[in-house]
Structures are given as C-alpha cells and as structure tokens.
Amino acid sequence: MGKKFTDMNLRTADFIYPYFVTGGKNKKEEINSFPGIFRFSLDRLLSDIGESRKLGLNKILLFGIPDTKDARGTTAYKEDNIVSLAVEGIKKRFPALIVMTDVCLCAYTTHGHCGILKAKSAKRKAQNGVNIDNKNTLETLSNVAISHAEAGADWVAPSAMARGQVRAIRSALDKNGYNKVKIMGYSAKFASNFYGPFRQAANSAPAFGDRKGYQLDYNDAEAAIKRIGDDIREGAGAVMVKPALAYLDVVKQAKLRFKHPLAAYNVSGEYSMVKYGAKSGLWDERKMVFETIGSIKRAGADLIITYHAKDIARWLRE
C-alpha cells in the first residue's frame, strides 16, 4: 500500500475515535462481538488515550456505561455521572484533546429507548408500542449536555433523534454560559441493522419495541436531507450521517446541498464485518479498511467517526 492510497487521501485529523467508559478501577473489558474494542474504567481510559495521542489522533467521542439505570435516564446527568467524570479527568491530562460526548438516554434507561416514554407506551409492551414524550426528553437531553459542558466537553453530540434536540440544547447551553461548546448533531441517524455490536458494548438494546418510530427509514434519503437542514438551522456546528457505508449516497447529497461541516459514522457493525472477514481470510484487513474509509471521505465526509482510527493512524506512519 503506497502513499497514493494512504497519505494523500487520509489524515489522522480526519478521524474521531469512540471510547466506552465505565465505573470502577483497572477495568478493560472485552466485548464479544466487537473485536479490539473495550469498555474502560477511567484510569485505563486515560492510559489508552495516551496511546491514541501518540498516534496523532486528536478527537474522541465518549459513550458512558452507567452503574444504574431508571425509566427516565437520570443517571445520565446526575452530578457524578460517568461521562462528566471522564471528561474532567481527560481534560486535566490532555487539555488539547478535542472531547466530544454522546448525548442520549438509551444506555441510561431501563427500557433502552433514546427518550423518556409516555405512560401509555410503557404499558403497551405486548403491542411493541413506543411513544416518546418529546418535551420531557428535550429537557433531559439539555440537562445531560449542560453536565458535559460543565465538565469541559468541547462538543456535545445529541443522538436521540428527538425533534428539536439541537435547538433545545443550543438554547440551554447558551443560557448557562456555554456558548463556546459546539453541537454535532446525529442529524441523519437511520434505524439500521448495523448497530448490534455497539448495543452490546453499551448495554443499550431496547427492552421492547424498536426505534423505527424516531430513527429514519433506511429507504428515505429525502427525510435525511431534511433533518440535516433542520439541525443546521437549529445551530449544529457539524452534522452527521449514521451509518456511513450503506448511506454514502446521503453523505454525498448532504455535502453537495450544504456547505457545512459533515461527519459520517462508520458504525460498529460495519467495523466488525471488516474485522471478522479479515480473521476468516476473506480479505486483507488493511487494504479493506483503506478502501472503505477512503470511500467515506470520497463521498464528502469532513470527519469520520470510526473504530478503525487507531489502526489507520499506525498504518499511516509506516
């Protein structure tokens, strides 16, 4: 693999590396379906981030794994929530690192949905009913974002796909003096089959029903473009398409339609397929990673959130 296919097309600055942080000490927990990805306690997380920084990576996206959950996801914004504690520790050790935090409730709720449910929804498990209380969800997401901003996050990234989430969070941040904290909207987040390993890592699979009521239909590119435009108008500093590989047409349309920073999320299922295929001898992992990640950049993504980031950073140095 020569420079033509690596150095000229991809840079470590293109990448955002996701991390999962959990409570306790000296934890580095393997995830069965997610080769090479771990849940870290804060002490081990700081050590691993040190390795990432040495590789030249300068952006991370944090996901929290709470010790306890409830129906309203209150542990996502309590004073000592896991993400805020991690942000404080990271910023003390690595002040120049750009820290982004996921703002959602799925990992913090007992039902596993991304927002607060209306009472009748919780009673309709047998009918697969999911009815999100948007007003209360927006208030809670705003509280989560504020708690992360207080801890020192540079960006907050709302992923609940709640209507008006960017506007609500932008307003809450500004009112509380965090006008410099930016928002990366999960603007076009599809109801995808590619999220399985992530849901295992974050213990965030829905207890009943599914997320098709609030995530996007994978057939509907037009709705995705509309939601991206909405997030830009509401104050998002960057917008996102998730997943990436199955939605490169949406990435391309978004890049052509909007002159705005654009991220694409190379999600857990996309990553794991490459890893398992390489392990089975179906392809050369390095070549496949450069081909797939290169396609995301070619489609128009300015930033790529990918679990391959550390491997790519190593390969770019060779």
Foldseek 3Di string as FASTA:
>chain_A
DDCVLAVVQDDLAQEAEEAEEEADPPDWADFVLFPPHTYYHLVVVLVVVVLVVVLPHQHYEYDYQYPAAELALQLLQPLPRGLLVNLLVNCVVPVRRQYEYEQFRLLRHPQLAGAHFDPVQVVPQVVLRGHHPLVSRLVSSLSSLVSNVVSPHQEYEYDNLRPCNLLSNCVSCVVVPNNRRAYEYQQQAAQDPQAVSVCSNSVRAGPGHGCPVRHDHLVDLPSSLVSQVVNVVSGHQEYEHPAQQSVLVSLLVNQVPDPGQYEHENHRSNVSVLVVCVVVVVDPSVVVVSVRVSSRVVSPHSHYYDNCSSVSSVVSVD
